[in-house]
PDB file of N, CA and C in Angstrom:
ATOM      1  N   MET A   1       0.832  -1.175   0.000  1.00  0.00           N
ATOM      2  CA  MET A   1       0.000   0.000   0.000  1.00  0.00           C
ATOM      3  C   MET A   1       0.882   1.246   0.000  1.00  0.00           C
ATOM      4  N   PRO A   2       1.182   1.746  -1.172  1.00  0.00           N
ATOM      5  CA  PRO A   2       2.105   2.877  -1.259  1.00  0.00           C
ATOM      6  C   PRO A   2       1.456   4.224  -0.933  1.00  0.00           C
ATOM      7  N   VAL A   3       2.318   5.148  -0.556  1.00  0.00           N
ATOM      8  CA  VAL A   3       1.947   6.539  -0.362  1.00  0.00           C
ATOM      9  C   VAL A   3       2.759   7.338  -1.374  1.00  0.00           C
ATOM     10  N   TYR A   4       2.058   8.098  -2.203  1.00  0.00           N
ATOM     11  CA  TYR A   4       2.727   8.918  -3.208  1.00  0.00           C
ATOM     12  C   TYR A   4       2.658  10.379  -2.784  1.00  0.00           C
ATOM     13  N   GLU A   5       3.729  11.105  -3.047  1.00  0.00           N
ATOM     14  CA  GLU A   5       3.772  12.526  -2.712  1.00  0.00           C
ATOM     15  C   GLU A   5       3.874  13.350  -3.985  1.00  0.00           C
ATOM     16  N   TYR A   6       3.129  14.460  -3.988  1.00  0.00           N
ATOM     17  CA  TYR A   6       3.115  15.369  -5.129  1.00  0.00           C
ATOM     18  C   TYR A   6       3.255  16.797  -4.624  1.00  0.00           C
ATOM     19  N   ARG A   7       3.822  17.661  -5.479  1.00  0.00           N
ATOM     20  CA  ARG A   7       3.885  19.094  -5.184  1.00  0.00           C
ATOM     21  C   ARG A   7       3.020  19.808  -6.218  1.00  0.00           C
ATOM     22  N   CYS A   8       2.195  20.724  -5.732  1.00  0.00           N
ATOM     23  CA  CYS A   8       1.305  21.486  -6.588  1.00  0.00           C
ATOM     24  C   CYS A   8       2.110  22.540  -7.355  1.00  0.00           C
ATOM     25  N   ALA A   9       1.910  22.594  -8.674  1.00  0.00           N
ATOM     26  CA  ALA A   9       2.610  23.577  -9.502  1.00  0.00           C
ATOM     27  C   ALA A   9       2.061  24.982  -9.271  1.00  0.00           C
ATOM     28  N   CYS A  10       0.838  25.085  -8.750  1.00  0.00           N
ATOM     29  CA  CYS A  10       0.230  26.407  -8.524  1.00  0.00           C
ATOM     30  C   CYS A  10       0.629  27.015  -7.179  1.00  0.00           C
ATOM     31  N   CYS A  11       0.412  26.275  -6.090  1.00  0.00           N
ATOM     32  CA  CYS A  11       0.649  26.840  -4.749  1.00  0.00           C
ATOM     33  C   CYS A  11       1.902  26.292  -4.065  1.00  0.00           C
ATOM     34  N   GLN A  12       2.567  25.313  -4.676  1.00  0.00           N
ATOM     35  CA  GLN A  12       3.805  24.711  -4.174  1.00  0.00           C
ATOM     36  C   GLN A  12       3.630  23.896  -2.887  1.00  0.00           C
ATOM     37  N   LYS A  13       2.399  23.587  -2.511  1.00  0.00           N
ATOM     38  CA  LYS A  13       2.156  22.763  -1.321  1.00  0.00           C
ATOM     39  C   LYS A  13       2.353  21.295  -1.676  1.00  0.00           C
ATOM     40  N   LYS A  14       2.831  20.540  -0.707  1.00  0.00           N
ATOM     41  CA  LYS A  14       3.043  19.104  -0.898  1.00  0.00           C
ATOM     42  C   LYS A  14       1.830  18.347  -0.371  1.00  0.00           C
ATOM     43  N   SER A  15       1.391  17.343  -1.114  1.00  0.00           N
ATOM     44  CA  SER A  15       0.266  16.504  -0.707  1.00  0.00           C
ATOM     45  C   SER A  15       0.671  15.044  -0.815  1.00  0.00           C
ATOM     46  N   SER A  16       0.161  14.228   0.092  1.00  0.00           N
ATOM     47  CA  SER A  16       0.425  12.791   0.097  1.00  0.00           C
ATOM     48  C   SER A  16      -0.859  12.047  -0.225  1.00  0.00           C
ATOM     49  N   PHE A  17      -0.738  10.979  -1.023  1.00  0.00           N
ATOM     50  CA  PHE A  17      -1.894  10.199  -1.432  1.00  0.00           C
ATOM     51  C   PHE A  17      -1.631   8.725  -1.164  1.00  0.00           C
ATOM     52  N   PHE A  18      -2.506   8.114  -0.402  1.00  0.00           N
ATOM     53  CA  PHE A  18      -2.423   6.695  -0.048  1.00  0.00           C
ATOM     54  C   PHE A  18      -3.253   5.907  -1.051  1.00  0.00           C
ATOM     55  N   VAL A  19      -2.672   4.877  -1.642  1.00  0.00           N
ATOM     56  CA  VAL A  19      -3.411   4.021  -2.568  1.00  0.00           C
ATOM     57  C   VAL A  19      -3.322   2.578  -2.082  1.00  0.00           C
ATOM     58  N   LYS A  20      -4.350   1.816  -2.354  1.00  0.00           N
ATOM     59  CA  LYS A  20      -4.405   0.435  -1.869  1.00  0.00           C
ATOM     60  C   LYS A  20      -3.443  -0.487  -2.601  1.00  0.00           C
ATOM     61  N   SER A  21      -3.201  -0.193  -3.865  1.00  0.00           N
ATOM     62  CA  SER A  21      -2.335  -1.056  -4.653  1.00  0.00           C
ATOM     63  C   SER A  21      -1.516  -0.201  -5.622  1.00  0.00           C
ATOM     64  N   ILE A  22      -0.362  -0.694  -5.983  1.00  0.00           N
ATOM     65  CA  ILE A  22       0.487   0.012  -6.936  1.00  0.00           C
ATOM     66  C   ILE A  22      -0.187   0.082  -8.306  1.00  0.00           C
ATOM     67  N   LYS A  23      -1.141  -0.816  -8.552  1.00  0.00           N
ATOM     68  CA  LYS A  23      -1.858  -0.866  -9.834  1.00  0.00           C
ATOM     69  C   LYS A  23      -3.004   0.135  -9.910  1.00  0.00           C
ATOM     70  N   ASP A  24      -3.434   0.680  -8.774  1.00  0.00           N
ATOM     71  CA  ASP A  24      -4.547   1.630  -8.766  1.00  0.00           C
ATOM     72  C   ASP A  24      -4.164   2.926  -9.477  1.00  0.00           C
ATOM     73  N   GLU A  25      -5.100   3.458 -10.244  1.00  0.00           N
ATOM     74  CA  GLU A  25      -4.869   4.743 -10.906  1.00  0.00           C
ATOM     75  C   GLU A  25      -5.034   5.859  -9.886  1.00  0.00           C
ATOM     76  N   LEU A  26      -4.252   6.905 -10.073  1.00  0.00           N
ATOM     77  CA  LEU A  26      -4.306   8.046  -9.152  1.00  0.00           C
ATOM     78  C   LEU A  26      -4.334   9.325  -9.968  1.00  0.00           C
ATOM     79  N   THR A  27      -5.343  10.154  -9.710  1.00  0.00           N
ATOM     80  CA  THR A  27      -5.413  11.476 -10.302  1.00  0.00           C
ATOM     81  C   THR A  27      -5.298  12.458  -9.139  1.00  0.00           C
ATOM     82  N   PRO A  28      -4.076  12.904  -8.838  1.00  0.00           N
ATOM     83  CA  PRO A  28      -3.884  13.748  -7.659  1.00  0.00           C
ATOM     84  C   PRO A  28      -4.474  15.146  -7.825  1.00  0.00           C
ATOM     85  N   VAL A  29      -5.089  15.604  -6.749  1.00  0.00           N
ATOM     86  CA  VAL A  29      -5.646  16.949  -6.686  1.00  0.00           C
ATOM     87  C   VAL A  29      -5.061  17.602  -5.444  1.00  0.00           C
ATOM     88  N   CYS A  30      -4.572  18.820  -5.585  1.00  0.00           N
ATOM     89  CA  CYS A  30      -3.949  19.521  -4.471  1.00  0.00           C
ATOM     90  C   CYS A  30      -4.926  19.659  -3.305  1.00  0.00           C
ATOM     91  N   SER A  31      -4.490  19.256  -2.131  1.00  0.00           N
ATOM     92  CA  SER A  31      -5.344  19.333  -0.942  1.00  0.00           C
ATOM     93  C   SER A  31      -5.463  20.765  -0.436  1.00  0.00           C
ATOM     94  N   SER A  32      -4.628  21.660  -0.940  1.00  0.00           N
ATOM     95  CA  SER A  32      -4.649  23.048  -0.492  1.00  0.00           C
ATOM     96  C   SER A  32      -5.484  23.938  -1.409  1.00  0.00           C
ATOM     97  N   CYS A  33      -5.198  23.897  -2.727  1.00  0.00           N
ATOM     98  CA  CYS A  33      -5.894  24.820  -3.641  1.00  0.00           C
ATOM     99  C   CYS A  33      -6.807  24.120  -4.643  1.00  0.00           C
ATOM    100  N   GLY A  34      -6.764  22.780  -4.704  1.00  0.00           N
ATOM    101  CA  GLY A  34      -7.633  22.033  -5.602  1.00  0.00           C
ATOM    102  C   GLY A  34      -7.117  21.887  -7.022  1.00  0.00           C
ATOM    103  N   SER A  35      -5.919  22.353  -7.305  1.00  0.00           N
ATOM    104  CA  SER A  35      -5.351  22.254  -8.649  1.00  0.00           C
ATOM    105  C   SER A  35      -5.040  20.803  -8.992  1.00  0.00           C
ATOM    106  N   ARG A  36      -5.123  20.491 -10.276  1.00  0.00           N
ATOM    107  CA  ARG A  36      -4.756  19.165 -10.760  1.00  0.00           C
ATOM    108  C   ARG A  36      -3.364  19.184 -11.397  1.00  0.00           C
ATOM    109  N   ASP A  37      -2.710  20.327 -11.382  1.00  0.00           N
ATOM    110  CA  ASP A  37      -1.365  20.469 -11.945  1.00  0.00           C
ATOM    111  C   ASP A  37      -0.349  20.069 -10.872  1.00  0.00           C
ATOM    112  N   MET A  38      -0.122  18.766 -10.758  1.00  0.00           N
ATOM    113  CA  MET A  38       0.705  18.205  -9.690  1.00  0.00           C
ATOM    114  C   MET A  38       1.937  17.518 -10.276  1.00  0.00           C
ATOM    115  N   ASN A  39       3.067  17.658  -9.578  1.00  0.00           N
ATOM    116  CA  ASN A  39       4.308  17.015  -9.970  1.00  0.00           C
ATOM    117  C   ASN A  39       4.695  15.978  -8.921  1.00  0.00           C
ATOM    118  N   ARG A  40       4.941  14.765  -9.385  1.00  0.00           N
ATOM    119  CA  ARG A  40       5.278  13.687  -8.457  1.00  0.00           C
ATOM    120  C   ARG A  40       6.676  13.902  -7.882  1.00  0.00           C
ATOM    121  N   LEU A  41       6.807  13.636  -6.580  1.00  0.00           N
ATOM    122  CA  LEU A  41       8.068  13.791  -5.868  1.00  0.00           C
ATOM    123  C   LEU A  41       8.661  12.427  -5.546  1.00  0.00           C
ATOM    124  N   PHE A  42       9.961  12.413  -5.315  1.00  0.00           N
ATOM    125  CA  PHE A  42      10.592  11.213  -4.777  1.00  0.00           C
ATOM    126  C   PHE A  42      10.281  11.185  -3.292  1.00  0.00           C
ATOM    127  N   SER A  43       9.661  10.133  -2.835  1.00  0.00           N
ATOM    128  CA  SER A  43       9.247  10.036  -1.438  1.00  0.00           C
ATOM    129  C   SER A  43      10.364   9.495  -0.571  1.00  0.00           C
ATOM    130  N   ASN A  44      10.332   9.869   0.694  1.00  0.00           N
ATOM    131  CA  ASN A  44      11.230   9.280   1.683  1.00  0.00           C
ATOM    132  C   ASN A  44      10.789   7.858   1.953  1.00  0.00           C
ATOM    133  N   PHE A  45      11.675   7.065   2.464  1.00  0.00           N
ATOM    134  CA  PHE A  45      11.311   5.712   2.840  1.00  0.00           C
ATOM    135  C   PHE A  45      12.014   5.373   4.144  1.00  0.00           C
ATOM    136  N   ALA A  46      11.491   4.370   4.801  1.00  0.00           N
ATOM    137  CA  ALA A  46      12.052   3.954   6.079  1.00  0.00           C
ATOM    138  C   ALA A  46      12.759   2.617   5.909  1.00  0.00           C
ATOM    139  N   TYR A  47      13.842   2.469   6.634  1.00  0.00           N
ATOM    140  CA  TYR A  47      14.567   1.210   6.667  1.00  0.00           C
ATOM    141  C   TYR A  47      14.662   0.806   8.128  1.00  0.00           C
ATOM    142  N   HIS A  48      14.064  -0.302   8.467  1.00  0.00           N
ATOM    143  CA  HIS A  48      14.054  -0.751   9.850  1.00  0.00           C
ATOM    144  C   HIS A  48      15.050  -1.889  10.041  1.00  0.00           C
ATOM    145  N   LYS A  49      15.859  -1.752  11.066  1.00  0.00           N
ATOM    146  CA  LYS A  49      16.836  -2.787  11.391  1.00  0.00           C
ATOM    147  C   LYS A  49      16.278  -3.660  12.506  1.00  0.00           C
ATOM    148  N   SER A  50      16.676  -4.906  12.497  1.00  0.00           N
ATOM    149  CA  SER A  50      16.293  -5.791  13.591  1.00  0.00           C
ATOM    150  C   SER A  50      17.134  -5.444  14.814  1.00  0.00           C
ATOM    151  N   LEU A  51      16.649  -5.819  15.983  1.00  0.00           N
ATOM    152  CA  LEU A  51      17.398  -5.572  17.218  1.00  0.00           C
ATOM    153  C   LEU A  51      18.732  -6.317  17.169  1.00  0.00           C
ATOM    154  N   ALA A  52      18.745  -7.499  16.580  1.00  0.00           N
ATOM    155  CA  ALA A  52      19.984  -8.269  16.461  1.00  0.00           C
ATOM    156  C   ALA A  52      21.005  -7.505  15.606  1.00  0.00           C
ATOM    157  N   THR A  53      20.555  -6.889  14.521  1.00  0.00           N
ATOM    158  CA  THR A  53      21.455  -6.110  13.656  1.00  0.00           C
ATOM    159  C   THR A  53      21.984  -4.889  14.397  1.00  0.00           C
ATOM    160  N   ILE A  54      21.125  -4.231  15.141  1.00  0.00           N
ATOM    161  CA  ILE A  54      21.540  -3.055  15.920  1.00  0.00           C
ATOM    162  C   ILE A  54      22.608  -3.453  16.925  1.00  0.00           C
ATOM    163  N   TYR A  55      22.389  -4.550  17.624  1.00  0.00           N
ATOM    164  CA  TYR A  55      23.367  -5.027  18.606  1.00  0.00           C
ATOM    165  C   TYR A  55      24.684  -5.399  17.926  1.00  0.00           C
ATOM    166  N   GLU A  56      24.578  -6.046  16.782  1.00  0.00           N
ATOM    167  CA  GLU A  56      25.778  -6.444  16.061  1.00  0.00           C
ATOM    168  C   GLU A  56      26.590  -5.214  15.640  1.00  0.00           C
ATOM    169  N   GLU A  57      25.910  -4.178  15.158  1.00  0.00           N
ATOM    170  CA  GLU A  57      26.592  -2.964  14.730  1.00  0.00           C
ATOM    171  C   GLU A  57      27.154  -2.166  15.912  1.00  0.00           C
ATOM    172  N   SER A  58      26.515  -2.288  17.071  1.00  0.00           N
ATOM    173  CA  SER A  58      26.947  -1.529  18.247  1.00  0.00           C
ATOM    174  C   SER A  58      28.211  -2.078  18.861  1.00  0.00           C
ATOM    175  N   GLY A  59      28.386  -3.364  18.758  1.00  0.00           N
ATOM    176  CA  GLY A  59      29.572  -3.976  19.337  1.00  0.00           C
ATOM    177  C   GLY A  59      29.279  -4.647  20.659  1.00  0.00           C
ATOM    178  N   ASP A  60      30.316  -5.160  21.256  1.00  0.00           N
ATOM    179  CA  ASP A  60      30.253  -5.929  22.486  1.00  0.00           C
ATOM    180  C   ASP A  60      30.079  -5.012  23.694  1.00  0.00           C
ATOM    181  N   PRO A  61      29.061  -5.245  24.537  1.00  0.00           N
ATOM    182  CA  PRO A  61      28.885  -4.403  25.724  1.00  0.00           C
ATOM    183  C   PRO A  61      30.026  -4.543  26.731  1.00  0.00           C
ATOM    184  N   ASP A  62      30.795  -5.635  26.642  1.00  0.00           N
ATOM    185  CA  ASP A  62      31.953  -5.795  27.538  1.00  0.00           C
ATOM    186  C   ASP A  62      33.113  -4.901  27.110  1.00  0.00           C
ATOM    187  N   LYS A  63      33.138  -4.545  25.840  1.00  0.00           N
ATOM    188  CA  LYS A  63      34.198  -3.676  25.304  1.00  0.00           C
ATOM    189  C   LYS A  63      33.558  -2.593  24.447  1.00  0.00           C
ATOM    190  N   PRO A  64      32.762  -1.717  25.073  1.00  0.00           N
ATOM    191  CA  PRO A  64      32.040  -0.712  24.278  1.00  0.00           C
ATOM    192  C   PRO A  64      32.989   0.264  23.593  1.00  0.00           C
ATOM    193  N   GLY A  65      32.658   0.575  22.339  1.00  0.00           N
ATOM    194  CA  GLY A  65      33.432   1.561  21.590  1.00  0.00           C
ATOM    195  C   GLY A  65      33.075   2.973  22.022  1.00  0.00           C
ATOM    196  N   GLU A  66      33.697   3.934  21.368  1.00  0.00           N
ATOM    197  CA  GLU A  66      33.542   5.346  21.722  1.00  0.00           C
ATOM    198  C   GLU A  66      32.095   5.828  21.643  1.00  0.00           C
ATOM    199  N   LYS A  67      31.337   5.338  20.656  1.00  0.00           N
ATOM    200  CA  LYS A  67      29.972   5.826  20.448  1.00  0.00           C
ATOM    201  C   LYS A  67      28.900   4.838  20.930  1.00  0.00           C
ATOM    202  N   TYR A  68      29.317   3.843  21.672  1.00  0.00           N
ATOM    203  CA  TYR A  68      28.395   2.794  22.110  1.00  0.00           C
ATOM    204  C   TYR A  68      27.181   3.355  22.852  1.00  0.00           C
ATOM    205  N   TYR A  69      27.421   4.284  23.772  1.00  0.00           N
ATOM    206  CA  TYR A  69      26.333   4.795  24.607  1.00  0.00           C
ATOM    207  C   TYR A  69      25.580   5.957  23.972  1.00  0.00           C
ATOM    208  N   ASN A  70      25.921   6.325  22.724  1.00  0.00           N
ATOM    209  CA  ASN A  70      25.126   7.331  22.018  1.00  0.00           C
ATOM    210  C   ASN A  70      23.752   6.786  21.668  1.00  0.00           C
ATOM    211  N   ASP A  71      23.632   5.474  21.614  1.00  0.00           N
ATOM    212  CA  ASP A  71      22.349   4.832  21.337  1.00  0.00           C
ATOM    213  C   ASP A  71      21.746   4.407  22.669  1.00  0.00           C
ATOM    214  N   PRO A  72      20.627   5.009  23.080  1.00  0.00           N
ATOM    215  CA  PRO A  72      20.050   4.683  24.394  1.00  0.00           C
ATOM    216  C   PRO A  72      19.672   3.220  24.560  1.00  0.00           C
ATOM    217  N   ARG A  73      19.458   2.509  23.450  1.00  0.00           N
ATOM    218  CA  ARG A  73      19.150   1.078  23.562  1.00  0.00           C
ATOM    219  C   ARG A  73      20.304   0.325  24.192  1.00  0.00           C
ATOM    220  N   ASN A  74      21.526   0.803  23.963  1.00  0.00           N
ATOM    221  CA  ASN A  74      22.694   0.124  24.524  1.00  0.00           C
ATOM    222  C   ASN A  74      22.804   0.344  26.024  1.00  0.00           C
ATOM    223  N   ILE A  75      22.295   1.438  26.517  1.00  0.00           N
ATOM    224  CA  ILE A  75      22.294   1.658  27.970  1.00  0.00           C
ATOM    225  C   ILE A  75      21.399   0.613  28.625  1.00  0.00           C
ATOM    226  N   GLY A  76      20.231   0.374  28.039  1.00  0.00           N
ATOM    227  CA  GLY A  76      19.337  -0.662  28.541  1.00  0.00           C
ATOM    228  C   GLY A  76      19.945  -2.042  28.409  1.00  0.00           C
ATOM    229  N   ARG A  77      20.630  -2.276  27.309  1.00  0.00           N
ATOM    230  CA  ARG A  77      21.292  -3.564  27.078  1.00  0.00           C
ATOM    231  C   ARG A  77      22.352  -3.813  28.145  1.00  0.00           C
ATOM    232  N   TRP A  78      23.150  -2.792  28.449  1.00  0.00           N
ATOM    233  CA  TRP A  78      24.181  -2.901  29.472  1.00  0.00           C
ATOM    234  C   TRP A  78      23.554  -3.149  30.846  1.00  0.00           C
ATOM    235  N   THR A  79      22.476  -2.423  31.139  1.00  0.00           N
ATOM    236  CA  THR A  79      21.788  -2.565  32.427  1.00  0.00           C
ATOM    237  C   THR A  79      21.252  -3.986  32.595  1.00  0.00           C
ATOM    238  N   GLU A  80      20.606  -4.508  31.569  1.00  0.00           N
ATOM    239  CA  GLU A  80      20.091  -5.883  31.627  1.00  0.00           C
ATOM    240  C   GLU A  80      21.224  -6.877  31.864  1.00  0.00           C
ATOM    241  N   LYS A  81      22.336  -6.686  31.186  1.00  0.00           N
ATOM    242  CA  LYS A  81      23.477  -7.586  31.316  1.00  0.00           C
ATOM    243  C   LYS A  81      24.022  -7.558  32.743  1.00  0.00           C
ATOM    244  N   LYS A  82      24.132  -6.372  33.330  1.00  0.00           N
ATOM    245  CA  LYS A  82      24.678  -6.256  34.689  1.00  0.00           C
ATOM    246  C   LYS A  82      23.755  -6.906  35.722  1.00  0.00           C
ATOM    247  N   PHE A  83      22.453  -6.717  35.593  1.00  0.00           N
ATOM    248  CA  PHE A  83      21.522  -7.365  36.520  1.00  0.00           C
ATOM    249  C   PHE A  83      21.651  -8.883  36.398  1.00  0.00           C
ATOM    250  N   GLN A  84      21.784  -9.371  35.168  1.00  0.00           N
ATOM    251  CA  GLN A  84      21.913 -10.803  34.951  1.00  0.00           C
ATOM    252  C   GLN A  84      23.215 -11.331  35.562  1.00  0.00           C
ATOM    253  N   GLU A  85      24.318 -10.611  35.358  1.00  0.00           N
ATOM    254  CA  GLU A  85      25.603 -11.028  35.916  1.00  0.00           C
ATOM    255  C   GLU A  85      25.577 -11.083  37.440  1.00  0.00           C
ATOM    256  N   LEU A  86      24.835 -10.147  38.054  1.00  0.00           N
ATOM    257  CA  LEU A  86      24.748 -10.093  39.511  1.00  0.00           C
ATOM    258  C   LEU A  86      23.726 -11.081  40.073  1.00  0.00           C
ATOM    259  N   GLY A  87      23.002 -11.762  39.169  1.00  0.00           N
ATOM    260  CA  GLY A  87      21.998 -12.726  39.604  1.00  0.00           C
ATOM    261  C   GLY A  87      20.808 -12.065  40.275  1.00  0.00           C
ATOM    262  N   MET A  88      20.560 -10.816  39.920  1.00  0.00           N
ATOM    263  CA  MET A  88      19.446 -10.061  40.519  1.00  0.00           C
ATOM    264  C   MET A  88      18.307  -9.931  39.517  1.00  0.00           C
ATOM    265  N   GLU A  89      17.096  -9.904  40.044  1.00  0.00           N
ATOM    266  CA  GLU A  89      15.946  -9.667  39.190  1.00  0.00           C
ATOM    267  C   GLU A  89      15.790  -8.165  39.000  1.00  0.00           C
ATOM    268  N   MET A  90      15.637  -7.761  37.776  1.00  0.00           N
ATOM    269  CA  MET A  90      15.504  -6.341  37.479  1.00  0.00           C
ATOM    270  C   MET A  90      14.111  -5.859  37.884  1.00  0.00           C
ATOM    271  N   PRO A  91      14.021  -4.751  38.617  1.00  0.00           N
ATOM    272  CA  PRO A  91      12.706  -4.216  38.993  1.00  0.00           C
ATOM    273  C   PRO A  91      11.865  -3.900  37.758  1.00  0.00           C
ATOM    274  N   SER A  92      10.568  -4.110  37.874  1.00  0.00           N
ATOM    275  CA  SER A  92       9.673  -3.908  36.727  1.00  0.00           C
ATOM    276  C   SER A  92       9.706  -2.469  36.225  1.00  0.00           C
ATOM    277  N   GLN A  93       9.944  -1.514  37.118  1.00  0.00           N
ATOM    278  CA  GLN A  93      10.011  -0.119  36.691  1.00  0.00           C
ATOM    279  C   GLN A  93      11.177   0.111  35.733  1.00  0.00           C
ATOM    280  N   ILE A  94      12.296  -0.528  35.996  1.00  0.00           N
ATOM    281  CA  ILE A  94      13.458  -0.386  35.119  1.00  0.00           C
ATOM    282  C   ILE A  94      13.189  -1.103  33.801  1.00  0.00           C
ATOM    283  N   GLN A  95      12.575  -2.282  33.863  1.00  0.00           N
ATOM    284  CA  GLN A  95      12.220  -3.001  32.642  1.00  0.00           C
ATOM    285  C   GLN A  95      11.301  -2.142  31.773  1.00  0.00           C
ATOM    286  N   ASP A  96      10.339  -1.489  32.410  1.00  0.00           N
ATOM    287  CA  ASP A  96       9.403  -0.625  31.671  1.00  0.00           C
ATOM    288  C   ASP A  96      10.135   0.548  31.016  1.00  0.00           C
ATOM    289  N   MET A  97      11.091   1.138  31.737  1.00  0.00           N
ATOM    290  CA  MET A  97      11.856   2.259  31.182  1.00  0.00           C
ATOM    291  C   MET A  97      12.680   1.814  29.975  1.00  0.00           C
ATOM    292  N   ILE A  98      13.305   0.651  30.071  1.00  0.00           N
ATOM    293  CA  ILE A  98      14.117   0.145  28.968  1.00  0.00           C
ATOM    294  C   ILE A  98      13.236  -0.139  27.760  1.00  0.00           C
ATOM    295  N   GLN A  99      12.081  -0.756  27.991  1.00  0.00           N
ATOM    296  CA  GLN A  99      11.185  -1.055  26.868  1.00  0.00           C
ATOM    297  C   GLN A  99      10.660   0.232  26.244  1.00  0.00           C
ATOM    298  N   ALA A 100      10.349   1.230  27.065  1.00  0.00           N
ATOM    299  CA  ALA A 100       9.885   2.517  26.531  1.00  0.00           C
ATOM    300  C   ALA A 100      10.959   3.159  25.664  1.00  0.00           C
ATOM    301  N   ALA A 101      12.215   3.088  26.101  1.00  0.00           N
ATOM    302  CA  ALA A 101      13.322   3.645  25.312  1.00  0.00           C
ATOM    303  C   ALA A 101      13.459   2.902  23.988  1.00  0.00           C
ATOM    304  N   ARG A 102      13.291   1.582  24.013  1.00  0.00           N
ATOM    305  CA  ARG A 102      13.371   0.799  22.772  1.00  0.00           C
ATOM    306  C   ARG A 102      12.230   1.142  21.823  1.00  0.00           C
ATOM    307  N   ASP A 103      11.093   1.551  22.404  1.00  0.00           N
ATOM    308  CA  ASP A 103       9.945   1.944  21.591  1.00  0.00           C
ATOM    309  C   ASP A 103      10.019   3.401  21.160  1.00  0.00           C
ATOM    310  N   GLY A 104      11.099   4.091  21.548  1.00  0.00           N
ATOM    311  CA  GLY A 104      11.283   5.468  21.128  1.00  0.00           C
ATOM    312  C   GLY A 104      10.761   6.511  22.092  1.00  0.00           C
ATOM    313  N   GLU A 105      10.325   6.092  23.274  1.00  0.00           N
ATOM    314  CA  GLU A 105       9.830   7.026  24.272  1.00  0.00           C
ATOM    315  C   GLU A 105      10.940   7.385  25.242  1.00  0.00           C
ATOM    316  N   MET A 106      10.929   8.623  25.696  1.00  0.00           N
ATOM    317  CA  MET A 106      11.918   9.062  26.663  1.00  0.00           C
ATOM    318  C   MET A 106      11.493   8.552  28.037  1.00  0.00           C
ATOM    319  N   PRO A 107      12.357   7.813  28.743  1.00  0.00           N
ATOM    320  CA  PRO A 107      11.976   7.286  30.054  1.00  0.00           C
ATOM    321  C   PRO A 107      11.853   8.397  31.104  1.00  0.00           C
ATOM    322  N   GLU A 108      11.068   8.119  32.116  1.00  0.00           N
ATOM    323  CA  GLU A 108      10.920   9.051  33.231  1.00  0.00           C
ATOM    324  C   GLU A 108      12.231   9.125  34.004  1.00  0.00           C
ATOM    325  N   SER A 109      12.331  10.063  34.889  1.00  0.00           N
ATOM    326  CA  SER A 109      13.563  10.269  35.652  1.00  0.00           C
ATOM    327  C   SER A 109      13.903   9.041  36.490  1.00  0.00           C
ATOM    328  N   VAL A 110      15.167   8.678  36.493  1.00  0.00           N
ATOM    329  CA  VAL A 110      15.636   7.526  37.264  1.00  0.00           C
ATOM    330  C   VAL A 110      15.529   7.795  38.758  1.00  0.00           C
ATOM    331  N   LYS A 111      15.635   9.041  39.180  1.00  0.00           N
ATOM    332  CA  LYS A 111      15.591   9.342  40.613  1.00  0.00           C
ATOM    333  C   LYS A 111      14.266   8.926  41.250  1.00  0.00           C
ATOM    334  N   ASP A 112      13.198   8.817  40.459  1.00  0.00           N
ATOM    335  CA  ASP A 112      11.904   8.398  40.993  1.00  0.00           C
ATOM    336  C   ASP A 112      11.895   6.924  41.386  1.00  0.00           C
ATOM    337  N   LEU A 113      12.890   6.166  40.932  1.00  0.00           N
ATOM    338  CA  LEU A 113      12.949   4.743  41.251  1.00  0.00           C
ATOM    339  C   LEU A 113      13.521   4.485  42.650  1.00  0.00           C
ATOM    340  N   GLN A 114      14.260   5.459  43.200  1.00  0.00           N
ATOM    341  CA  GLN A 114      14.900   5.272  44.490  1.00  0.00           C
ATOM    342  C   GLN A 114      14.418   6.328  45.466  1.00  0.00           C
ATOM    343  N   PRO A 115      13.525   5.957  46.386  1.00  0.00           N
ATOM    344  CA  PRO A 115      13.066   6.932  47.374  1.00  0.00           C
ATOM    345  C   PRO A 115      14.222   7.485  48.177  1.00  0.00           C
ATOM    346  N   GLY A 116      14.194   8.767  48.434  1.00  0.00           N
ATOM    347  CA  GLY A 116      15.227   9.411  49.260  1.00  0.00           C
ATOM    348  C   GLY A 116      16.400   9.913  48.467  1.00  0.00           C
ATOM    349  N   LEU A 117      16.460   9.609  47.164  1.00  0.00           N
ATOM    350  CA  LEU A 117      17.559  10.096  46.335  1.00  0.00           C
ATOM    351  C   LEU A 117      17.285  11.554  46.003  1.00  0.00           C
ATOM    352  N   THR A 118      18.232  12.417  46.258  1.00  0.00           N
ATOM    353  CA  THR A 118      18.037  13.834  45.976  1.00  0.00           C
ATOM    354  C   THR A 118      19.063  14.308  44.973  1.00  0.00           C
ATOM    355  N   GLU A 119      18.701  15.367  44.255  1.00  0.00           N
ATOM    356  CA  GLU A 119      19.631  15.950  43.300  1.00  0.00           C
ATOM    357  C   GLU A 119      20.694  16.752  44.021  1.00  0.00           C
ATOM    358  N   VAL A 120      21.878  16.758  43.455  1.00  0.00           N
ATOM    359  CA  VAL A 120      22.999  17.492  44.037  1.00  0.00           C
ATOM    360  C   VAL A 120      23.069  18.861  43.397  1.00  0.00           C
TER     361      VAL A 120
END
């Protein structure tokens, strides 16, 4: 199910059109001014990597490279590894934060996990 993008020759606004099949005919009409004088654009596309590929490209958490921790997923990966090495069960709040980071959400403050911890 492709999405095609066009730019209006009259008002220069960009419009996106979703079609069910690549075989479907499309007569684009500008969503801003209603013109039919539309020029097709090269659309952006997404490339998704598997978690295994990301880990492989990041390197070994035992010997992290210079940019290892630039990817927040690796911080969670390191944390999981350390809890496992210590034979401790990771608190569900930390598991939730790591999963949220993997899903692209910014985790809540870590200080909320430890009562009595104050900022310096």
